Amino acid sequence: MKFLNCYCLFIFALSAQIPAPNKRVIAIGDLHGDYEQAVKVLQMANLVDENAKWIGKNDTLVQTGDIVDRGPHVIKLYKMMQRLTKEASAAGGKVVQLLGNHELMNMMEDYRYVTKEDIDTFGGLDERKKAFTLEGWVGKYLRNLGITAVVDDTINHDTIDNLHKMSISELLNVEMFKGEGPTQYLDDTVYAHGGITPKWAEFGVEKMNQNTISDLHRKSTSQLKKVELFNFEGPTQYRGYARDAEPGICKTLETALKSMRVNRMVLGHTVQQNGKITSRCGGRIILIDVGISKYKRGNLAALELTPGHAKGLYPNGKSAVLPVPSNLNHNSHPKRVTLREYLQITKYSFNRPI
């Protein structure tokens, strides 16, 4: 009985140190230079207030790229995203911003979709070019973003930091209850702008992002245009998962998902003509570009993910339930892991005093 009481007290103390799981992951697609529509969709998802200040608490926002081009509010949008990143972090939430093909185009000095109004907000074309260079404020920001991300659907991102503050003695206690104590969910959703084919999936999320950041920092404009990762079959431009017929494309998708050991892919890039979040392949693909910008279609929609649930959010409180896939990788990548395994995965440093 004494041991049981100690065990219960330990579990209570441990749970007090671990914050509650994220309420939601909200994903939004292409914004294309429209600040007003961006704020509207964030308000609709209860992430910002009437002043565009973060109210999402410990929610996670994922924006899948293409903030730039077509509309005039590029500066306002990037500054808002930078600010929301800080505000969300302070509240225990997180903002994940990905690169789209239009971000890459601008860093390659491809201005086909840049408007005069956009150029004027920078003070002219030369000033705009400077802003997107390696030394420019937009360029510095973009060159440190990835083209894909696996986002934790269920764990507050500050959880890792809190666990890492635990002493070795506390962790030894956790080891005593291995298999019986608290467990945590692993990531299971990968996000990208266009789509990740099996070829690039073999590289893994980390390597794709490392290569992207390295190339954007080291290669010239002309060299960037030749980078295979950025071409039409790369993660920012591929449209097969949105356009190719089922069930054939679903087999391609399954290969990619298994390679990355995830269950679902969420993508922007290809506008859904009906203005609705679209699910394919039994919920393993979710397409979230509905043409939010009024310079495209002016539709408002966001994806909401919570553990075991997915739905599209729409104006006036409307929503639509989306299918949730079964665990594709249950043999090689279990959904639940012990705390010991979780600490190993998150690279807990044991080089500290007891």
Protein backbone atom coordinates (compact mmCIF):
# COMPACT_ATOMS: atom_id res chain seq x y z
CA MET A 1 0.00 0.00 0.00
CA LYS A 2 2.88 2.35 0.84
CA PHE A 3 4.43 1.70 -2.57
CA LEU A 4 1.10 2.36 -4.26
CA ASN A 5 0.72 5.68 -2.43
CA CYS A 6 4.22 6.70 -3.48
CA TYR A 7 3.44 5.73 -7.05
CA CYS A 8 0.24 7.82 -7.06
CA LEU A 9 2.02 10.81 -5.54
CA PHE A 10 4.76 10.52 -8.15
CA ILE A 11 2.30 10.36 -11.03
CA PHE A 12 0.44 13.36 -9.61
CA ALA A 13 3.67 15.35 -9.29
CA LEU A 14 4.74 14.40 -12.80
CA SER A 15 1.39 15.32 -14.32
CA ALA A 16 1.55 18.71 -12.61
CA GLN A 17 4.77 19.44 -14.48
CA ILE A 18 3.38 18.43 -17.88
CA PRO A 19 1.03 20.98 -19.47
CA ALA A 20 -2.28 19.97 -20.99
CA PRO A 21 -2.30 18.77 -24.61
CA ASN A 22 -2.93 21.20 -27.41
CA LYS A 23 -6.59 21.88 -27.91
CA ARG A 24 -6.24 22.18 -31.67
CA VAL A 25 -4.00 22.38 -34.69
CA ILE A 26 -5.37 24.89 -37.20
CA ALA A 27 -4.04 24.84 -40.77
CA ILE A 28 -4.71 27.49 -43.40
CA GLY A 29 -3.67 27.59 -47.03
CA ASP A 30 -2.51 30.22 -49.50
CA LEU A 31 -3.11 33.86 -48.48
CA HIS A 32 -1.68 35.61 -51.56
CA GLY A 33 -1.29 39.19 -50.44
CA ASP A 34 -4.67 39.67 -48.76
CA TYR A 35 -4.29 40.85 -45.17
CA GLU A 36 -8.00 41.43 -44.53
CA GLN A 37 -8.99 37.92 -45.60
CA ALA A 38 -6.11 36.44 -43.61
CA VAL A 39 -7.31 38.16 -40.44
CA LYS A 40 -10.88 37.04 -41.13
CA VAL A 41 -9.92 33.38 -41.43
CA LEU A 42 -7.79 33.57 -38.27
CA GLN A 43 -10.67 35.20 -36.40
CA MET A 44 -13.05 32.58 -37.74
CA ALA A 45 -10.76 29.91 -36.27
CA ASN A 46 -10.61 31.78 -32.93
CA LEU A 47 -6.87 32.30 -33.15
CA VAL A 48 -6.83 36.13 -33.17
CA ASP A 49 -9.07 38.91 -31.87
CA GLU A 50 -10.44 41.98 -33.66
CA ASN A 51 -6.97 43.56 -33.46
CA ALA A 52 -5.30 40.47 -34.94
CA LYS A 53 -3.69 39.65 -31.58
CA TRP A 54 -3.16 36.01 -30.63
CA ILE A 55 -5.95 34.51 -28.51
CA GLY A 56 -5.34 30.89 -29.48
CA LYS A 57 -3.69 30.03 -26.15
CA ASN A 58 -1.81 26.75 -26.67
CA ASP A 59 -3.21 26.04 -30.14
CA THR A 60 -0.90 25.52 -33.10
CA LEU A 61 -1.29 27.43 -36.37
CA VAL A 62 0.20 25.96 -39.55
CA GLN A 63 0.31 28.15 -42.67
CA THR A 64 1.36 26.13 -45.71
CA GLY A 65 2.99 28.90 -47.75
CA ASP A 66 2.22 31.35 -50.56
CA ILE A 67 1.65 34.46 -48.49
CA VAL A 68 3.26 36.51 -51.24
CA ASP A 69 2.11 37.58 -54.76
CA ARG A 70 -1.22 38.44 -56.40
CA GLY A 71 -2.27 40.88 -53.66
CA PRO A 72 -0.77 44.11 -52.21
CA HIS A 73 -0.44 43.29 -48.48
CA VAL A 74 2.78 41.28 -48.44
CA ILE A 75 4.53 43.45 -45.86
CA LYS A 76 1.55 43.45 -43.49
CA LEU A 77 1.14 39.69 -43.79
CA TYR A 78 4.77 38.76 -43.11
CA LYS A 79 4.96 41.18 -40.19
CA MET A 80 1.75 39.74 -38.77
CA MET A 81 3.08 36.19 -39.04
CA GLN A 82 6.32 37.18 -37.32
CA ARG A 83 4.38 38.88 -34.52
CA LEU A 84 1.94 35.99 -34.09
CA THR A 85 4.86 33.58 -33.84
CA LYS A 86 6.09 35.47 -30.77
CA GLU A 87 2.64 35.96 -29.26
CA ALA A 88 1.70 32.31 -29.69
CA SER A 89 4.96 31.14 -28.15
CA ALA A 90 4.42 33.39 -25.12
CA ALA A 91 0.95 31.87 -24.65
CA GLY A 92 2.17 28.27 -24.93
CA GLY A 93 1.10 27.87 -28.55
CA LYS A 94 3.01 27.70 -31.80
CA VAL A 95 3.01 29.12 -35.32
CA VAL A 96 4.51 27.00 -38.10
CA GLN A 97 5.14 28.90 -41.33
CA LEU A 98 6.15 26.97 -44.46
CA LEU A 99 7.56 28.12 -47.77
CA GLY A 100 5.38 27.92 -50.86
CA ASN A 101 6.46 28.02 -54.48
CA HIS A 102 5.71 31.76 -54.63
CA GLU A 103 8.12 32.49 -51.76
CA LEU A 104 10.78 30.59 -53.70
CA MET A 105 9.90 32.43 -56.92
CA ASN A 106 10.45 35.79 -55.25
CA MET A 107 13.80 34.69 -53.85
CA MET A 108 14.68 33.65 -57.43
CA GLU A 109 13.61 37.12 -58.66
CA ASP A 110 10.66 35.71 -60.58
CA TYR A 111 8.15 38.54 -60.34
CA ARG A 112 5.43 37.34 -62.71
CA TYR A 113 2.73 37.54 -60.04
CA VAL A 114 3.91 40.66 -58.21
CA THR A 115 1.48 43.59 -58.38
CA LYS A 116 2.27 47.28 -58.75
CA GLU A 117 0.49 47.95 -55.46
CA ASP A 118 2.74 45.43 -53.73
CA ILE A 119 5.85 47.04 -55.21
CA ASP A 120 4.68 50.48 -54.08
CA THR A 121 4.36 49.34 -50.46
CA PHE A 122 8.09 48.54 -50.49
CA GLY A 123 8.95 51.93 -51.99
CA GLY A 124 9.77 50.65 -55.47
CA LEU A 125 11.05 47.55 -57.22
CA ASP A 126 14.67 48.00 -56.12
CA GLU A 127 13.66 48.21 -52.47
CA ARG A 128 11.44 45.18 -52.86
CA LYS A 129 14.29 43.20 -54.42
CA LYS A 130 16.54 44.14 -51.50
CA ALA A 131 13.91 43.03 -48.98
CA PHE A 132 13.91 39.50 -50.44
CA THR A 133 17.71 39.13 -50.57
CA LEU A 134 19.77 37.21 -48.04
CA GLU A 135 20.38 40.48 -46.18
CA GLY A 136 16.82 41.82 -46.50
CA TRP A 137 14.26 41.55 -43.70
CA VAL A 138 11.87 39.34 -45.69
CA GLY A 139 14.69 37.28 -47.16
CA LYS A 140 16.25 36.57 -43.77
CA TYR A 141 12.90 35.43 -42.44
CA LEU A 142 12.06 33.20 -45.41
CA ARG A 143 15.50 31.61 -45.66
CA ASN A 144 15.09 30.09 -42.22
CA LEU A 145 11.74 28.45 -42.94
CA GLY A 146 11.23 24.88 -44.08
CA ILE A 147 9.24 23.49 -46.98
CA THR A 148 7.62 20.78 -44.88
CA ALA A 149 6.88 19.99 -41.25
CA VAL A 150 5.57 17.20 -39.09
CA VAL A 151 3.45 18.95 -36.49
CA ASP A 152 2.53 17.40 -33.16
CA ASP A 153 -1.25 17.11 -33.14
CA THR A 154 -1.65 16.51 -29.43
CA ILE A 155 1.25 17.76 -27.33
CA ASN A 156 1.86 21.30 -26.17
CA HIS A 157 5.18 22.28 -27.71
CA ASP A 158 6.40 23.57 -24.35
CA THR A 159 6.06 20.02 -22.97
CA ILE A 160 9.53 19.12 -24.20
CA ASP A 161 11.04 22.17 -22.49
CA ASN A 162 9.29 21.27 -19.22
CA LEU A 163 10.47 17.67 -19.40
CA HIS A 164 14.01 18.81 -20.10
CA LYS A 165 13.96 20.84 -16.86
CA MET A 166 13.45 17.68 -14.82
CA SER A 167 16.44 16.51 -12.84
CA ILE A 168 18.18 13.19 -13.40
CA SER A 169 16.67 11.94 -10.13
CA GLU A 170 13.18 12.69 -11.39
CA LEU A 171 13.92 10.92 -14.65
CA LEU A 172 15.21 7.90 -12.75
CA ASN A 173 11.85 7.78 -11.01
CA VAL A 174 10.16 7.87 -14.38
CA GLU A 175 12.26 4.90 -15.46
CA MET A 176 11.06 2.94 -12.42
CA PHE A 177 7.53 3.14 -13.78
CA LYS A 178 8.42 2.46 -17.40
CA GLY A 179 5.43 0.93 -19.15
CA GLU A 180 2.98 2.08 -16.47
CA GLY A 181 3.50 5.82 -16.23
CA PRO A 182 2.38 8.65 -18.51
CA THR A 183 2.81 8.25 -22.24
CA GLN A 184 2.69 10.77 -25.07
CA TYR A 185 1.53 10.74 -28.68
CA LEU A 186 3.96 10.86 -31.57
CA ASP A 187 3.54 13.11 -34.59
CA ASP A 188 1.34 11.76 -37.37
CA THR A 189 0.58 14.59 -39.82
CA VAL A 190 3.01 16.06 -42.34
CA TYR A 191 2.39 19.46 -43.92
CA ALA A 192 3.71 20.86 -47.19
CA HIS A 193 2.69 23.37 -49.82
CA GLY A 194 2.34 21.15 -52.89
CA GLY A 195 2.96 17.51 -51.99
CA ILE A 196 5.75 15.12 -51.03
CA THR A 197 6.36 12.32 -53.52
CA PRO A 198 7.95 9.01 -52.47
CA LYS A 199 11.29 10.20 -53.89
CA TRP A 200 11.47 13.17 -51.55
CA ALA A 201 9.80 11.33 -48.68
CA GLU A 202 12.84 9.05 -48.55
CA PHE A 203 14.95 12.10 -47.68
CA GLY A 204 12.82 12.76 -44.61
CA VAL A 205 11.43 16.05 -43.33
CA GLU A 206 14.60 17.13 -41.55
CA LYS A 207 16.89 16.61 -44.54
CA MET A 208 14.48 18.31 -46.97
CA ASN A 209 14.40 21.36 -44.72
CA GLN A 210 18.15 21.33 -44.11
CA ASN A 211 18.80 21.21 -47.86
CA THR A 212 16.29 24.00 -48.46
CA ILE A 213 17.80 26.34 -45.89
CA SER A 214 21.33 25.54 -47.05
CA ASP A 215 20.52 26.16 -50.72
CA LEU A 216 18.69 29.41 -49.99
CA HIS A 217 21.67 30.70 -48.03
CA ARG A 218 24.46 29.52 -50.33
CA LYS A 219 23.21 29.49 -53.91
CA SER A 220 22.82 32.39 -56.32
CA THR A 221 19.51 33.31 -57.93
CA SER A 222 20.41 31.49 -61.13
CA GLN A 223 21.57 28.42 -59.20
CA LEU A 224 18.34 28.28 -57.17
CA LYS A 225 16.34 27.92 -60.37
CA LYS A 226 18.16 24.64 -61.03
CA VAL A 227 17.63 23.07 -57.59
CA GLU A 228 15.71 19.83 -58.12
CA LEU A 229 13.99 20.09 -54.75
CA PHE A 230 12.29 23.28 -55.95
CA ASN A 231 11.05 22.01 -59.33
CA PHE A 232 7.59 20.86 -60.45
CA GLU A 233 7.99 17.45 -58.80
CA GLY A 234 9.26 18.96 -55.55
CA PRO A 235 7.30 19.50 -52.32
CA THR A 236 6.32 23.10 -53.12
CA GLN A 237 4.97 22.50 -56.64
CA TYR A 238 3.76 18.90 -56.99
CA ARG A 239 -0.01 18.67 -57.71
CA GLY A 240 -0.48 14.93 -58.15
CA TYR A 241 -2.16 14.35 -54.80
CA ALA A 242 -4.76 16.99 -55.67
CA ARG A 243 -5.35 16.10 -59.32
CA ASP A 244 -4.43 12.51 -60.12
CA ALA A 245 -7.12 9.83 -60.03
CA GLU A 246 -7.82 7.53 -57.12
CA PRO A 247 -7.00 4.81 -56.21
CA GLY A 248 -3.72 5.03 -58.13
CA ILE A 249 -2.52 8.21 -56.46
CA CYS A 250 -3.45 6.76 -53.07
CA LYS A 251 -0.89 3.99 -53.56
CA THR A 252 1.76 6.59 -54.32
CA LEU A 253 0.69 8.49 -51.23
CA GLU A 254 0.85 5.41 -49.02
CA THR A 255 4.44 4.80 -50.10
CA ALA A 256 5.39 8.36 -49.18
CA LEU A 257 3.58 8.29 -45.84
CA LYS A 258 5.16 4.99 -44.81
CA SER A 259 8.58 6.33 -45.73
CA MET A 260 8.05 9.34 -43.45
CA ARG A 261 6.25 7.19 -40.85
CA VAL A 262 3.20 9.43 -40.73
CA ASN A 263 -0.49 8.86 -41.43
CA ARG A 264 -1.70 11.97 -43.19
CA MET A 265 -0.55 14.81 -45.49
CA VAL A 266 -2.04 18.33 -45.42
CA LEU A 267 -1.42 20.48 -48.50
CA GLY A 268 -2.13 23.90 -50.01
CA HIS A 269 -1.21 25.08 -53.54
CA THR A 270 -4.12 23.66 -55.57
CA VAL A 271 -7.30 25.72 -55.18
CA GLN A 272 -10.42 23.69 -54.39
CA GLN A 273 -12.99 25.07 -56.79
CA ASN A 274 -15.93 24.53 -54.43
CA GLY A 275 -14.28 26.57 -51.68
CA LYS A 276 -14.29 23.62 -49.26
CA ILE A 277 -11.54 21.72 -47.45
CA THR A 278 -11.21 18.49 -49.45
CA SER A 279 -10.27 15.02 -48.23
CA ARG A 280 -8.93 12.24 -50.45
CA CYS A 281 -7.67 8.68 -50.01
CA GLY A 282 -9.75 8.03 -46.91
CA GLY A 283 -8.55 11.12 -45.09
CA ARG A 284 -4.84 10.58 -45.78
CA ILE A 285 -4.76 13.69 -47.96
CA ILE A 286 -6.38 16.97 -46.92
CA LEU A 287 -6.34 19.87 -49.39
CA ILE A 288 -6.73 23.25 -47.69
CA ASP A 289 -6.17 25.88 -50.42
CA VAL A 290 -9.67 27.26 -50.96
CA GLY A 291 -8.56 30.56 -52.51
CA ILE A 292 -8.76 32.66 -49.33
CA SER A 293 -7.40 35.78 -51.02
CA LYS A 294 -10.00 37.89 -52.80
CA TYR A 295 -7.40 38.12 -55.55
CA LYS A 296 -8.13 34.42 -56.10
CA ARG A 297 -11.65 33.41 -54.98
CA GLY A 298 -12.25 35.03 -51.60
CA ASN A 299 -13.37 31.83 -49.82
CA LEU A 300 -12.82 31.41 -46.10
CA ALA A 301 -11.94 28.00 -44.65
CA ALA A 302 -9.53 26.48 -42.15
CA LEU A 303 -8.68 22.93 -41.13
CA GLU A 304 -9.06 21.99 -37.47
CA LEU A 305 -7.33 18.88 -36.12
CA THR A 306 -7.80 17.49 -32.64
CA PRO A 307 -6.87 13.99 -31.43
CA GLY A 308 -8.96 11.56 -33.46
CA HIS A 309 -10.94 14.27 -35.23
CA ALA A 310 -10.67 16.50 -38.32
CA LYS A 311 -13.05 19.10 -39.69
CA GLY A 312 -13.25 22.08 -42.00
CA LEU A 313 -14.20 25.40 -40.42
CA TYR A 314 -16.30 27.92 -42.35
CA PRO A 315 -17.97 31.31 -41.75
CA ASN A 316 -20.96 31.72 -39.45
CA GLY A 317 -19.87 28.87 -37.20
CA LYS A 318 -20.36 26.21 -39.85
CA SER A 319 -18.12 23.15 -40.02
CA ALA A 320 -17.85 19.84 -41.86
CA VAL A 321 -16.45 16.62 -40.41
CA LEU A 322 -13.61 15.00 -42.38
CA PRO A 323 -12.54 11.33 -42.31
CA VAL A 324 -9.68 10.39 -40.02
CA PRO A 325 -7.31 7.68 -41.31
CA SER A 326 -6.37 4.63 -39.30
CA ASN A 327 -2.78 4.26 -38.14
CA LEU A 328 -0.89 3.30 -41.28
CA ASN A 329 2.35 2.71 -39.38
CA HIS A 330 1.14 0.87 -36.29
CA ASN A 331 3.84 -1.80 -36.59
CA SER A 332 6.86 0.44 -37.06
CA HIS A 333 5.79 3.71 -35.43
CA PRO A 334 3.33 3.25 -32.56
CA LYS A 335 1.01 6.12 -31.75
CA ARG A 336 1.84 5.91 -28.04
CA VAL A 337 5.31 5.66 -26.56
CA THR A 338 6.72 5.48 -23.07
CA LEU A 339 8.09 8.61 -21.49
CA ARG A 340 11.56 7.11 -21.74
CA GLU A 341 11.24 6.69 -25.51
CA TYR A 342 9.73 10.16 -25.81
CA LEU A 343 12.73 11.71 -24.07
CA GLN A 344 15.05 9.81 -26.40
CA ILE A 345 13.13 11.01 -29.44
CA THR A 346 13.24 14.61 -28.24
CA LYS A 347 16.99 14.33 -27.60
CA TYR A 348 16.93 15.00 -23.87
CA SER A 349 20.42 15.92 -22.68
CA PHE A 350 21.67 13.76 -19.82
CA ASN A 351 24.82 15.86 -19.41
CA ARG A 352 23.65 17.60 -16.24
CA PRO A 353 24.11 17.16 -12.48
CA ILE A 354 21.75 15.05 -10.43
